[in-house]
C-alpha atoms as a PDB file:
ATOM      1  CA  UNK A   1     133.393  79.192   3.208  1.00  0.00           C
ATOM      2  CA  UNK A   2     135.081  76.025   3.887  1.00  0.00           C
ATOM      3  CA  UNK A   3     138.974  75.900   3.915  1.00  0.00           C
ATOM      4  CA  UNK A   4     141.830  73.105   4.157  1.00  0.00           C
ATOM      5  CA  UNK A   5     144.930  73.814   6.364  1.00  0.00           C
ATOM      6  CA  UNK A   6     148.120  72.295   5.280  1.00  0.00           C
ATOM      7  CA  UNK A   7     151.226  72.242   7.628  1.00  0.00           C
ATOM      8  CA  UNK A   8     154.022  71.805   5.079  1.00  0.00           C
ATOM      9  CA  UNK A   9     157.255  71.574   7.568  1.00  0.00           C
ATOM     10  CA  UNK A  10     156.204  72.715  10.956  1.00  0.00           C
ATOM     11  CA  UNK A  11     154.717  70.508  13.718  1.00  0.00           C
ATOM     12  CA  UNK A  12     152.270  72.852  15.768  1.00  0.00           C
ATOM     13  CA  UNK A  13     151.525  72.961  19.400  1.00  0.00           C
ATOM     14  CA  UNK A  14     147.621  72.499  20.504  1.00  0.00           C
ATOM     15  CA  UNK A  15     147.535  76.154  21.517  1.00  0.00           C
ATOM     16  CA  UNK A  16     148.885  77.293  18.041  1.00  0.00           C
ATOM     17  CA  UNK A  17     145.974  74.923  16.600  1.00  0.00           C
ATOM     18  CA  UNK A  18     143.422  76.299  18.399  1.00  0.00           C
ATOM     19  CA  UNK A  19     144.815  79.947  17.717  1.00  0.00           C
ATOM     20  CA  UNK A  20     144.604  78.933  13.926  1.00  0.00           C
ATOM     21  CA  UNK A  21     140.770  77.764  14.349  1.00  0.00           C
ATOM     22  CA  UNK A  22     139.740  81.039  15.972  1.00  0.00           C
ATOM     23  CA  UNK A  23     141.720  83.189  13.185  1.00  0.00           C
ATOM     24  CA  UNK A  24     139.820  81.452  10.532  1.00  0.00           C
ATOM     25  CA  UNK A  25     136.563  81.154  12.275  1.00  0.00           C
ATOM     26  CA  UNK A  26     136.339  84.878  12.815  1.00  0.00           C
ATOM     27  CA  UNK A  27     136.787  85.501   9.284  1.00  0.00           C
ATOM     28  CA  UNK A  28     134.127  83.052   8.378  1.00  0.00           C
ATOM     29  CA  UNK A  29     136.370  80.199   7.300  1.00  0.00           C
ATOM     30  CA  UNK A  30     135.266  76.629   8.248  1.00  0.00           C
ATOM     31  CA  UNK A  31     137.912  73.887   8.497  1.00  0.00           C
ATOM     32  CA  UNK A  32     137.346  70.723   6.612  1.00  0.00           C
ATOM     33  CA  UNK A  33     140.552  69.294   7.027  1.00  0.00           C
ATOM     34  CA  UNK A  34     143.903  69.712   8.379  1.00  0.00           C
ATOM     35  CA  UNK A  35     147.046  67.710   6.900  1.00  0.00           C
ATOM     36  CA  UNK A  36     150.548  67.494   7.285  1.00  0.00           C
ATOM     37  CA  UNK A  37     152.761  66.968   4.091  1.00  0.00           C
ATOM     38  CA  UNK A  38     156.254  68.052   2.932  1.00  0.00           C
ATOM     39  CA  UNK A  39     154.919  68.936  -0.801  1.00  0.00           C
ATOM     40  CA  UNK A  40     152.349  71.652  -1.765  1.00  0.00           C
ATOM     41  CA  UNK A  41     148.904  71.320  -1.800  1.00  0.00           C
ATOM     42  CA  UNK A  42     146.670  69.676  -4.670  1.00  0.00           C
ATOM     43  CA  UNK A  43     143.712  71.504  -5.982  1.00  0.00           C
ATOM     44  CA  UNK A  44     140.407  71.396  -3.470  1.00  0.00           C
ATOM     45  CA  UNK A  45     137.123  73.096  -3.613  1.00  0.00           C
ATOM     46  CA  UNK A  46     137.510  76.022  -1.137  1.00  0.00           C
ATOM     47  CA  UNK A  47     140.472  77.722   0.440  1.00  0.00           C
ATOM     48  CA  UNK A  48     144.059  76.302   1.174  1.00  0.00           C
ATOM     49  CA  UNK A  49     145.789  77.783   4.118  1.00  0.00           C
ATOM     50  CA  UNK A  50     149.354  76.896   3.906  1.00  0.00           C
ATOM     51  CA  UNK A  51     151.226  76.944   7.230  1.00  0.00           C
ATOM     52  CA  UNK A  52     155.083  77.654   6.736  1.00  0.00           C
ATOM     53  CA  UNK A  53     157.179  78.738   9.499  1.00  0.00           C
ATOM     54  CA  UNK A  54     159.149  80.948   6.764  1.00  0.00           C
ATOM     55  CA  UNK A  55     156.467  82.812   6.766  1.00  0.00           C
ATOM     56  CA  UNK A  56     155.704  85.693   9.597  1.00  0.00           C
ATOM     57  CA  UNK A  57     152.378  87.285   7.949  1.00  0.00           C
ATOM     58  CA  UNK A  58     148.900  86.086   7.864  1.00  0.00           C
ATOM     59  CA  UNK A  59     147.595  86.369   4.211  1.00  0.00           C
ATOM     60  CA  UNK A  60     144.265  84.611   3.366  1.00  0.00           C
ATOM     61  CA  UNK A  61     143.967  83.989  -0.126  1.00  0.00           C
ATOM     62  CA  UNK A  62     144.303  81.060  -2.437  1.00  0.00           C
ATOM     63  CA  UNK A  63     146.760  79.547  -2.026  1.00  0.00           C
ATOM     64  CA  UNK A  64     147.661  81.477   1.387  1.00  0.00           C
ATOM     65  CA  UNK A  65     150.391  81.287   4.489  1.00  0.00           C
ATOM     66  CA  UNK A  66     150.055  81.651   7.851  1.00  0.00           C
ATOM     67  CA  UNK A  67     152.863  81.813  10.227  1.00  0.00           C
ATOM     68  CA  UNK A  68     153.312  79.234  12.977  1.00  0.00           C
ATOM     69  CA  UNK A  69     156.166  78.175  15.100  1.00  0.00           C
ATOM     70  CA  UNK A  70     158.330  75.388  14.360  1.00  0.00           C
ATOM     71  CA  UNK A  71     159.027  72.345  16.819  1.00  0.00           C
ATOM     72  CA  UNK A  72     159.956  68.974  15.011  1.00  0.00           C
ATOM     73  CA  UNK A  73     159.469  66.895  18.194  1.00  0.00           C
ATOM     74  CA  UNK A  74     155.737  68.192  18.907  1.00  0.00           C
ATOM     75  CA  UNK A  75     152.486  67.220  17.204  1.00  0.00           C
ATOM     76  CA  UNK A  76     149.006  67.281  18.841  1.00  0.00           C
ATOM     77  CA  UNK A  77     145.874  66.466  17.303  1.00  0.00           C
ATOM     78  CA  UNK A  78     143.433  67.234  20.027  1.00  0.00           C
ATOM     79  CA  UNK A  79     141.566  69.855  17.975  1.00  0.00           C
ATOM     80  CA  UNK A  80     141.296  67.271  15.084  1.00  0.00           C
ATOM     81  CA  UNK A  81     138.756  65.394  16.893  1.00  0.00           C
ATOM     82  CA  UNK A  82     136.192  68.022  15.850  1.00  0.00           C
ATOM     83  CA  UNK A  83     136.564  67.820  12.288  1.00  0.00           C
ATOM     84  CA  UNK A  84     134.059  66.413   9.842  1.00  0.00           C
ATOM     85  CA  UNK A  85     135.867  63.526   8.082  1.00  0.00           C
ATOM     86  CA  UNK A  86     134.279  61.049   9.786  1.00  0.00           C
ATOM     87  CA  UNK A  87     136.842  58.076   9.543  1.00  0.00           C
ATOM     88  CA  UNK A  88     140.516  57.822  10.050  1.00  0.00           C
ATOM     89  CA  UNK A  89     142.748  54.921  10.453  1.00  0.00           C
ATOM     90  CA  UNK A  90     146.313  55.630  11.938  1.00  0.00           C
ATOM     91  CA  UNK A  91     149.107  53.467  10.912  1.00  0.00           C
ATOM     92  CA  UNK A  92     152.751  53.001  12.014  1.00  0.00           C
ATOM     93  CA  UNK A  93     155.575  50.539  10.823  1.00  0.00           C
ATOM     94  CA  UNK A  94     153.881  49.471   7.349  1.00  0.00           C
ATOM     95  CA  UNK A  95     155.756  49.147   4.205  1.00  0.00           C
ATOM     96  CA  UNK A  96     154.665  51.300   1.456  1.00  0.00           C
ATOM     97  CA  UNK A  97     154.155  48.317  -0.840  1.00  0.00           C
ATOM     98  CA  UNK A  98     151.752  46.859   1.287  1.00  0.00           C
ATOM     99  CA  UNK A  99     149.944  50.322   2.081  1.00  0.00           C
ATOM    100  CA  UNK A 100     149.680  50.835  -1.823  1.00  0.00           C
ATOM    101  CA  UNK A 101     148.342  47.491  -2.370  1.00  0.00           C
ATOM    102  CA  UNK A 102     145.731  48.185   0.378  1.00  0.00           C
ATOM    103  CA  UNK A 103     144.531  51.392  -0.743  1.00  0.00           C
ATOM    104  CA  UNK A 104     144.465  50.801  -4.451  1.00  0.00           C
ATOM    105  CA  UNK A 105     141.127  51.638  -6.015  1.00  0.00           C
ATOM    106  CA  UNK A 106     139.722  52.975  -2.578  1.00  0.00           C
ATOM    107  CA  UNK A 107     138.138  56.240  -1.894  1.00  0.00           C
ATOM    108  CA  UNK A 108     140.696  57.693   0.744  1.00  0.00           C
ATOM    109  CA  UNK A 109     143.238  60.323   1.431  1.00  0.00           C
ATOM    110  CA  UNK A 110     146.448  59.286   2.805  1.00  0.00           C
ATOM    111  CA  UNK A 111     148.945  61.630   4.687  1.00  0.00           C
ATOM    112  CA  UNK A 112     152.450  61.046   5.720  1.00  0.00           C
ATOM    113  CA  UNK A 113     154.153  62.326   8.816  1.00  0.00           C
ATOM    114  CA  UNK A 114     156.866  61.302  11.276  1.00  0.00           C
ATOM    115  CA  UNK A 115     154.231  59.807  13.587  1.00  0.00           C
ATOM    116  CA  UNK A 116     153.276  57.559  10.858  1.00  0.00           C
ATOM    117  CA  UNK A 117     150.594  57.393   8.102  1.00  0.00           C
ATOM    118  CA  UNK A 118     146.929  58.738   8.508  1.00  0.00           C
ATOM    119  CA  UNK A 119     144.057  57.416   6.055  1.00  0.00           C
ATOM    120  CA  UNK A 120     141.031  59.632   5.888  1.00  0.00           C
ATOM    121  CA  UNK A 121     137.852  58.471   4.159  1.00  0.00           C
ATOM    122  CA  UNK A 122     134.121  59.614   4.225  1.00  0.00           C
ATOM    123  CA  UNK A 123     132.979  56.232   2.880  1.00  0.00           C
ATOM    124  CA  UNK A 124     131.970  53.794   5.526  1.00  0.00           C
ATOM    125  CA  UNK A 125     132.905  50.653   3.158  1.00  0.00           C
ATOM    126  CA  UNK A 126     136.143  51.778   2.554  1.00  0.00           C
ATOM    127  CA  UNK A 127     136.760  52.530   6.236  1.00  0.00           C
ATOM    128  CA  UNK A 128     135.718  48.663   6.931  1.00  0.00           C
ATOM    129  CA  UNK A 129     137.592  47.231   4.370  1.00  0.00           C
ATOM    130  CA  UNK A 130     141.066  48.941   5.427  1.00  0.00           C
ATOM    131  CA  UNK A 131     140.427  48.287   8.915  1.00  0.00           C
ATOM    132  CA  UNK A 132     140.408  44.710   8.188  1.00  0.00           C
ATOM    133  CA  UNK A 133     143.239  44.463   5.555  1.00  0.00           C
ATOM    134  CA  UNK A 134     145.524  47.085   7.749  1.00  0.00           C
ATOM    135  CA  UNK A 135     144.795  45.710  11.150  1.00  0.00           C
ATOM    136  CA  UNK A 136     148.137  44.871  12.030  1.00  0.00           C
ATOM    137  CA  UNK A 137     149.377  48.093  11.522  1.00  0.00           C
ATOM    138  CA  UNK A 138     146.441  50.232  12.899  1.00  0.00           C
ATOM    139  CA  UNK A 139     147.233  51.887  16.442  1.00  0.00           C
ATOM    140  CA  UNK A 140     144.173  54.211  16.541  1.00  0.00           C
ATOM    141  CA  UNK A 141     140.810  54.502  14.450  1.00  0.00           C
ATOM    142  CA  UNK A 142     140.369  57.718  16.012  1.00  0.00           C
ATOM    143  CA  UNK A 143     142.260  60.947  16.322  1.00  0.00           C
ATOM    144  CA  UNK A 144     144.328  59.477  19.303  1.00  0.00           C
ATOM    145  CA  UNK A 145     148.291  59.927  19.335  1.00  0.00           C
ATOM    146  CA  UNK A 146     150.506  57.095  19.997  1.00  0.00           C
ATOM    147  CA  UNK A 147     150.795  57.796  23.720  1.00  0.00           C
ATOM    148  CA  UNK A 148     147.309  58.328  24.142  1.00  0.00           C
ATOM    149  CA  UNK A 149     146.737  54.942  22.285  1.00  0.00           C
ATOM    150  CA  UNK A 150     149.726  53.251  24.531  1.00  0.00           C
ATOM    151  CA  UNK A 151     148.223  54.471  27.714  1.00  0.00           C
ATOM    152  CA  UNK A 152     144.662  53.192  26.795  1.00  0.00           C
ATOM    153  CA  UNK A 153     145.971  49.875  26.182  1.00  0.00           C
ATOM    154  CA  UNK A 154     147.858  50.060  29.668  1.00  0.00           C
ATOM    155  CA  UNK A 155     144.998  50.773  31.729  1.00  0.00           C
ATOM    156  CA  UNK A 156     142.990  48.293  29.693  1.00  0.00           C
ATOM    157  CA  UNK A 157     145.117  45.551  30.834  1.00  0.00           C
ATOM    158  CA  UNK A 158     145.916  46.730  34.169  1.00  0.00           C
ATOM    159  CA  UNK A 159     149.613  47.002  33.867  1.00  0.00           C
ATOM    160  CA  UNK A 160     152.136  49.532  35.256  1.00  0.00           C
ATOM    161  CA  UNK A 161     155.337  51.096  33.028  1.00  0.00           C
ATOM    162  CA  UNK A 162     158.694  52.243  33.993  1.00  0.00           C
ATOM    163  CA  UNK A 163     161.042  53.805  31.311  1.00  0.00           C
ATOM    164  CA  UNK A 164     165.059  53.438  30.835  1.00  0.00           C
ATOM    165  CA  UNK A 165     166.126  56.077  28.184  1.00  0.00           C
ATOM    166  CA  UNK A 166     169.432  56.921  27.005  1.00  0.00           C
ATOM    167  CA  UNK A 167     169.749  58.483  23.393  1.00  0.00           C
ATOM    168  CA  UNK A 168     165.925  59.449  23.738  1.00  0.00           C
ATOM    169  CA  UNK A 169     166.734  61.617  26.882  1.00  0.00           C
ATOM    170  CA  UNK A 170     163.393  61.354  28.780  1.00  0.00           C
ATOM    171  CA  UNK A 171     161.376  61.902  25.493  1.00  0.00           C
ATOM    172  CA  UNK A 172     159.463  58.714  26.089  1.00  0.00           C
ATOM    173  CA  UNK A 173     158.363  59.744  29.458  1.00  0.00           C
ATOM    174  CA  UNK A 174     157.584  63.393  28.577  1.00  0.00           C
ATOM    175  CA  UNK A 175     155.294  62.251  25.543  1.00  0.00           C
ATOM    176  CA  UNK A 176     153.507  59.651  28.143  1.00  0.00           C
ATOM    177  CA  UNK A 177     152.893  62.295  30.972  1.00  0.00           C
ATOM    178  CA  UNK A 178     151.451  64.758  28.337  1.00  0.00           C
ATOM    179  CA  UNK A 179     148.312  62.408  28.280  1.00  0.00           C
ATOM    180  CA  UNK A 180     146.015  63.219  31.224  1.00  0.00           C
ATOM    181  CA  UNK A 181     145.787  60.175  33.772  1.00  0.00           C
ATOM    182  CA  UNK A 182     148.750  58.587  32.925  1.00  0.00           C
ATOM    183  CA  UNK A 183     149.750  58.546  36.677  1.00  0.00           C
ATOM    184  CA  UNK A 184     147.687  55.848  36.910  1.00  0.00           C
ATOM    185  CA  UNK A 185     149.984  53.212  35.106  1.00  0.00           C
ATOM    186  CA  UNK A 186     153.118  55.250  34.613  1.00  0.00           C
ATOM    187  CA  UNK A 187     155.410  54.854  37.613  1.00  0.00           C
ATOM    188  CA  UNK A 188     158.361  56.950  36.334  1.00  0.00           C
ATOM    189  CA  UNK A 189     161.318  56.806  34.316  1.00  0.00           C
ATOM    190  CA  UNK A 190     165.219  56.682  34.248  1.00  0.00           C
ATOM    191  CA  UNK A 191     167.493  58.756  31.938  1.00  0.00           C
ATOM    192  CA  UNK A 192     170.657  57.179  32.104  1.00  0.00           C
ATOM    193  CA  UNK A 193     172.599  58.715  29.304  1.00  0.00           C
ATOM    194  CA  UNK A 194     176.008  58.040  30.815  1.00  0.00           C
ATOM    195  CA  UNK A 195     177.558  54.451  31.151  1.00  0.00           C
ATOM    196  CA  UNK A 196     178.268  55.269  34.870  1.00  0.00           C
ATOM    197  CA  UNK A 197     174.343  56.032  35.557  1.00  0.00           C
ATOM    198  CA  UNK A 198     173.443  52.635  33.547  1.00  0.00           C
ATOM    199  CA  UNK A 199     175.749  50.627  36.165  1.00  0.00           C
ATOM    200  CA  UNK A 200     174.650  52.611  38.973  1.00  0.00           C
ATOM    201  CA  UNK A 201     170.889  53.047  39.066  1.00  0.00           C
ATOM    202  CA  UNK A 202     169.941  49.997  36.534  1.00  0.00           C
ATOM    203  CA  UNK A 203     172.304  47.443  37.498  1.00  0.00           C
ATOM    204  CA  UNK A 204     173.928  47.172  33.810  1.00  0.00           C
ATOM    205  CA  UNK A 205     176.910  44.997  33.879  1.00  0.00           C
ATOM    206  CA  UNK A 206     180.432  47.140  33.440  1.00  0.00           C
ATOM    207  CA  UNK A 207     181.693  44.212  31.574  1.00  0.00           C
ATOM    208  CA  UNK A 208     178.822  43.938  28.787  1.00  0.00           C
ATOM    209  CA  UNK A 209     179.325  47.504  28.430  1.00  0.00           C
ATOM    210  CA  UNK A 210     183.295  47.342  27.767  1.00  0.00           C
ATOM    211  CA  UNK A 211     182.752  44.061  25.820  1.00  0.00           C
ATOM    212  CA  UNK A 212     179.426  44.759  23.707  1.00  0.00           C
ATOM    213  CA  UNK A 213     179.112  48.596  23.997  1.00  0.00           C
ATOM    214  CA  UNK A 214     176.554  51.003  25.324  1.00  0.00           C
ATOM    215  CA  UNK A 215     174.785  50.754  22.141  1.00  0.00           C
ATOM    216  CA  UNK A 216     174.043  46.938  21.955  1.00  0.00           C
ATOM    217  CA  UNK A 217     171.155  44.572  22.189  1.00  0.00           C
ATOM    218  CA  UNK A 218     172.609  43.298  25.307  1.00  0.00           C
ATOM    219  CA  UNK A 219     172.928  46.597  27.424  1.00  0.00           C
ATOM    220  CA  UNK A 220     169.415  47.452  26.048  1.00  0.00           C
ATOM    221  CA  UNK A 221     168.036  44.141  27.467  1.00  0.00           C
ATOM    222  CA  UNK A 222     169.720  44.752  30.930  1.00  0.00           C
ATOM    223  CA  UNK A 223     168.127  48.341  31.010  1.00  0.00           C
ATOM    224  CA  UNK A 224     164.902  46.897  30.679  1.00  0.00           C
ATOM    225  CA  UNK A 225     165.258  44.210  33.132  1.00  0.00           C
ATOM    226  CA  UNK A 226     166.824  46.765  35.757  1.00  0.00           C
ATOM    227  CA  UNK A 227     164.170  49.400  35.473  1.00  0.00           C
ATOM    228  CA  UNK A 228     161.608  46.937  36.062  1.00  0.00           C
ATOM    229  CA  UNK A 229     163.382  45.182  39.045  1.00  0.00           C
ATOM    230  CA  UNK A 230     164.113  48.598  40.917  1.00  0.00           C
ATOM    231  CA  UNK A 231     160.471  49.617  40.320  1.00  0.00           C
ATOM    232  CA  UNK A 232     158.296  46.541  40.310  1.00  0.00           C
ATOM    233  CA  UNK A 233     156.546  47.628  37.488  1.00  0.00           C
ATOM    234  CA  UNK A 234     155.050  45.393  35.360  1.00  0.00           C
ATOM    235  CA  UNK A 235     156.657  46.585  31.921  1.00  0.00           C
ATOM    236  CA  UNK A 236     159.528  48.278  31.098  1.00  0.00           C
ATOM    237  CA  UNK A 237     160.956  50.231  28.065  1.00  0.00           C
ATOM    238  CA  UNK A 238     164.661  50.544  27.162  1.00  0.00           C
ATOM    239  CA  UNK A 239     166.166  52.678  24.653  1.00  0.00           C
ATOM    240  CA  UNK A 240     169.841  53.029  23.641  1.00  0.00           C
ATOM    241  CA  UNK A 241     171.306  54.249  20.487  1.00  0.00           C
ATOM    242  CA  UNK A 242     173.502  56.930  18.563  1.00  0.00           C
ATOM    243  CA  UNK A 243     171.091  59.707  17.518  1.00  0.00           C
ATOM    244  CA  UNK A 244     174.015  61.719  15.897  1.00  0.00           C
ATOM    245  CA  UNK A 245     175.956  63.538  14.691  1.00  0.00           C
ATOM    246  CA  UNK A 246     178.572  60.730  14.260  1.00  0.00           C
ATOM    247  CA  UNK A 247     178.778  56.860  14.464  1.00  0.00           C
ATOM    248  CA  UNK A 248     181.016  54.362  13.286  1.00  0.00           C
ATOM    249  CA  UNK A 249     180.842  52.143  10.579  1.00  0.00           C
ATOM    250  CA  UNK A 250     179.881  49.188  12.390  1.00  0.00           C
ATOM    251  CA  UNK A 251     177.472  51.765  14.775  1.00  0.00           C
ATOM    252  CA  UNK A 252     176.458  54.033  12.219  1.00  0.00           C
ATOM    253  CA  UNK A 253     174.432  57.343  13.225  1.00  0.00           C
ATOM    254  CA  UNK A 254     170.757  56.411  13.811  1.00  0.00           C
ATOM    255  CA  UNK A 255     171.606  52.825  15.153  1.00  0.00           C
ATOM    256  CA  UNK A 256     169.225  52.321  18.175  1.00  0.00           C
ATOM    257  CA  UNK A 257     167.935  49.462  20.297  1.00  0.00           C
ATOM    258  CA  UNK A 258     164.552  49.468  21.575  1.00  0.00           C
ATOM    259  CA  UNK A 259     163.621  47.099  24.106  1.00  0.00           C
ATOM    260  CA  UNK A 260     159.841  46.395  25.620  1.00  0.00           C
ATOM    261  CA  UNK A 261     159.058  43.738  27.900  1.00  0.00           C
ATOM    262  CA  UNK A 262     157.824  42.172  31.307  1.00  0.00           C
ATOM    263  CA  UNK A 263     160.922  41.073  32.874  1.00  0.00           C
ATOM    264  CA  UNK A 264     160.671  37.430  31.938  1.00  0.00           C
ATOM    265  CA  UNK A 265     160.290  38.021  28.259  1.00  0.00           C
ATOM    266  CA  UNK A 266     162.075  41.137  26.640  1.00  0.00           C
ATOM    267  CA  UNK A 267     161.701  41.866  22.787  1.00  0.00           C
ATOM    268  CA  UNK A 268     164.411  43.873  21.416  1.00  0.00           C
ATOM    269  CA  UNK A 269     164.149  45.818  17.947  1.00  0.00           C
ATOM    270  CA  UNK A 270     167.331  46.694  15.977  1.00  0.00           C
ATOM    271  CA  UNK A 271     166.804  50.126  14.054  1.00  0.00           C
ATOM    272  CA  UNK A 272     168.725  52.403  11.849  1.00  0.00           C
ATOM    273  CA  UNK A 273     167.052  55.592  11.661  1.00  0.00           C
ATOM    274  CA  UNK A 274     168.455  57.785   8.890  1.00  0.00           C
ATOM    275  CA  UNK A 275     167.427  61.213   9.536  1.00  0.00           C
ATOM    276  CA  UNK A 276     169.198  64.031  12.168  1.00  0.00           C
ATOM    277  CA  UNK A 277     169.492  63.631  15.739  1.00  0.00           C
ATOM    278  CA  UNK A 278     165.970  65.074  16.942  1.00  0.00           C
ATOM    279  CA  UNK A 279     164.344  63.129  14.532  1.00  0.00           C
ATOM    280  CA  UNK A 280     166.005  59.911  15.153  1.00  0.00           C
ATOM    281  CA  UNK A 281     165.074  60.485  18.812  1.00  0.00           C
ATOM    282  CA  UNK A 282     161.560  61.048  17.808  1.00  0.00           C
ATOM    283  CA  UNK A 283     161.147  57.990  15.891  1.00  0.00           C
ATOM    284  CA  UNK A 284     163.006  55.723  18.508  1.00  0.00           C
ATOM    285  CA  UNK A 285     160.053  57.086  20.943  1.00  0.00           C
ATOM    286  CA  UNK A 286     157.363  56.195  18.532  1.00  0.00           C
ATOM    287  CA  UNK A 287     158.910  52.690  17.704  1.00  0.00           C
ATOM    288  CA  UNK A 288     159.308  52.041  21.563  1.00  0.00           C
ATOM    289  CA  UNK A 289     155.786  53.341  22.111  1.00  0.00           C
ATOM    290  CA  UNK A 290     154.092  51.148  19.395  1.00  0.00           C
ATOM    291  CA  UNK A 291     156.116  48.094  20.324  1.00  0.00           C
ATOM    292  CA  UNK A 292     155.165  48.325  23.928  1.00  0.00           C
ATOM    293  CA  UNK A 293     151.307  48.562  22.909  1.00  0.00           C
ATOM    294  CA  UNK A 294     151.836  45.432  20.670  1.00  0.00           C
ATOM    295  CA  UNK A 295     153.551  43.781  23.537  1.00  0.00           C
ATOM    296  CA  UNK A 296     150.724  44.252  25.757  1.00  0.00           C
ATOM    297  CA  UNK A 297     147.889  43.072  22.846  1.00  0.00           C
ATOM    298  CA  UNK A 298     150.051  39.813  22.476  1.00  0.00           C
ATOM    299  CA  UNK A 299     150.781  40.968  18.663  1.00  0.00           C
ATOM    300  CA  UNK A 300     154.727  40.804  18.866  1.00  0.00           C
END
C-alpha cells in the first residue's frame, strides 16, 4: 500500500529516515513521498504517516503517528533520491509573490522548510517551465542539499574555500564536511567567537571593532579577507551576527552580516532573521552557502 510521510515539527537524521523506511517496508508500505511541513496533512490516496516528536509510539493508521528525535539543525535528504516523484526543484531566497506567480495554474506540489522551498511535479512540461521561470532561485534540480550543491560548484570551478565564523560557531564548516569528498576543496575554518580571536587569528583591526562593533559590515569584510590571506584559499566565507537572545534597537536579535568573496571582491549581505537562536544560525549558514554558490557562478 502507498503511504506518504509528513514530518510536522521534526528534522530527522539520515539514520532515522532509513529506520522509518525499514519499518514501513516490513509492514508492506511503499513510500511515495516525504514532506516537511508545519500544518496537518491534506487528503491523499493511501496512508498518511505523521511524524511528530511529541509522540513516542508507532501507530500505523490513517492518519497515524511515529516518534522521531527532534533536531532543528539537521536535515538530510539522502534517502529521498530513491523516491518516485520524478522531478524536483529546490529553491532558496525567493519572495512568495514571485513564487505564487510562477506556480499559478501549474501541476505541482510546494513544500516549505528552513532550507527553502521544494517544488515537486510528475509533469515534465511543468518541470521545464518552472525551471526556466525560477532559474535565478534554484540551487538544485535533484535531491541535493545546499552543501552538496556548493561543493559540486566549487569542484567544477576548481576553487578552494576557507570559512571564518562567529555567530554560526562552526555550523557552516560542519555542514560542508558532512559531504563526502569535501577535503578536495575545503581547507578549513576559523571559529572566532571572541573579538580577541578575530584580531589575533584573522588580523581584524581592533579600532574597527571599537568604532563599528564586532557585528558590522566592516568586521565581516575583514574576517573574509583575513581568512583568505592566512590560508591562501581561493574563496572565503565570513559571518558575524547576533543570534540571540538579546540585541539592541540599533542591532537587534537576528542581525547578521554574511560575506563571501575572493579577497579582491567581497560581497556583504546584511540580514535580520526573525527567529530563535539556533534557527537564526541555521538560516545564516544557508544564506552563506547559497551566496557563495552564486558568487562562484557569477550570479551575484
